[in-house]
Amino acid sequence: VARSVAHRNITINNLLPGKIDTDRLKTTNGGAETEDERKARLSATVPAKRLGTIEEFGQICAFLCSVHAGYMTGQNIPIDGGAYISAF
């Protein structure tokens, strides 16, 4: 779809969030863990060894909505601290 509308200066990209520290993730412990224990457990499988922040997600989204990303289209952008296994 992105290729079919690119000539009209329309860009289509996808943000693929990983473990972002949101209210939803805060409810995953059922009250059995402290905040630090929850973050440590969830971060253990992330190569960056931490959760992403909503600010980081928002900044990447803002970039894609800006004129600076006007030539970028048809991309899937993982925001996951390196969890996605790619060729690099």
Protein backbone atom coordinates (compact mmCIF):
# COMPACT_ATOMS: atom_id res chain seq x y z
CA VAL A 1 0.00 0.00 0.00
CA ALA A 2 2.80 2.43 0.87
CA ARG A 3 4.29 2.12 -2.62
CA SER A 4 0.95 2.73 -4.31
CA VAL A 5 0.45 6.12 -2.63
CA ALA A 6 4.05 7.35 -2.27
CA HIS A 7 3.79 9.38 -5.48
CA ARG A 8 1.08 11.46 -3.76
CA ASN A 9 3.49 12.35 -0.93
CA ILE A 10 1.69 9.97 1.42
CA THR A 11 3.86 7.93 3.73
CA ILE A 12 2.80 4.79 5.55
CA ASN A 13 5.05 3.37 8.26
CA ASN A 14 4.45 1.15 11.27
CA LEU A 15 5.73 1.46 14.81
CA LEU A 16 6.23 -1.91 16.47
CA PRO A 17 6.51 -1.34 20.21
CA GLY A 18 8.17 -3.87 22.45
CA LYS A 19 8.14 -3.63 26.22
CA ILE A 20 7.23 0.00 26.88
CA ASP A 21 6.73 0.96 30.54
CA THR A 22 3.02 1.75 30.41
CA ASP A 23 0.14 1.34 32.83
CA ARG A 24 -0.72 -1.90 31.05
CA LEU A 25 2.66 -3.43 31.88
CA LYS A 26 2.35 -2.19 35.46
CA THR A 27 -0.66 -4.44 35.95
CA THR A 28 1.16 -7.60 34.86
CA ASN A 29 2.50 -8.46 38.31
CA GLY A 30 -0.80 -8.83 40.15
CA GLY A 31 0.64 -7.00 43.15
CA ALA A 32 3.07 -9.82 44.00
CA GLU A 33 6.23 -7.86 43.08
CA THR A 34 7.73 -4.51 43.89
CA GLU A 35 8.06 -1.99 41.07
CA ASP A 36 11.81 -2.70 40.81
CA GLU A 37 11.26 -6.47 40.72
CA ARG A 38 8.65 -6.11 37.98
CA LYS A 39 10.92 -3.95 35.85
CA ALA A 40 13.86 -6.33 36.36
CA ARG A 41 11.74 -9.35 35.35
CA LEU A 42 10.34 -7.66 32.24
CA SER A 43 13.71 -6.18 31.26
CA ALA A 44 15.61 -9.46 31.55
CA THR A 45 14.78 -10.55 27.98
CA VAL A 46 15.41 -7.14 26.39
CA PRO A 47 18.95 -6.66 25.03
CA ALA A 48 18.94 -3.04 26.26
CA LYS A 49 18.17 -4.46 29.75
CA ARG A 50 15.47 -1.88 30.39
CA LEU A 51 11.94 -1.03 29.43
CA GLY A 52 11.26 1.65 26.87
CA THR A 53 9.60 4.86 27.96
CA ILE A 54 6.46 6.43 26.60
CA GLU A 55 8.53 9.52 25.87
CA GLU A 56 10.89 7.52 23.64
CA PHE A 57 7.96 6.03 21.76
CA GLY A 58 6.39 9.47 21.37
CA GLN A 59 9.61 11.01 20.07
CA ILE A 60 9.96 8.35 17.38
CA CYS A 61 6.31 8.82 16.44
CA ALA A 62 6.80 12.60 16.28
CA PHE A 63 9.80 12.10 13.99
CA LEU A 64 7.73 9.96 11.60
CA CYS A 65 5.04 12.65 11.54
CA SER A 66 7.58 15.38 10.79
CA VAL A 67 8.95 16.66 7.49
CA HIS A 68 12.26 14.97 8.38
CA ALA A 69 10.76 11.55 7.63
CA GLY A 70 9.07 12.59 4.40
CA TYR A 71 11.18 10.25 2.27
CA MET A 72 10.68 7.25 4.55
CA THR A 73 7.76 5.05 3.63
CA GLY A 74 6.76 1.40 3.83
CA GLN A 75 8.88 0.71 6.91
CA ASN A 76 8.24 -1.29 10.05
CA ILE A 77 10.16 0.26 12.94
CA PRO A 78 10.70 -1.89 16.01
CA ILE A 79 10.93 0.13 19.22
CA ASP A 80 11.96 -2.78 21.39
CA GLY A 81 15.43 -2.24 22.82
CA GLY A 82 16.96 -4.64 20.31
CA ALA A 83 14.63 -7.58 20.96
CA TYR A 84 13.81 -8.14 17.27
CA ILE A 85 16.36 -10.44 15.68
CA SER A 86 17.37 -9.01 12.32
CA ALA A 87 20.25 -9.46 9.92
CA PHE A 88 22.35 -6.94 11.83
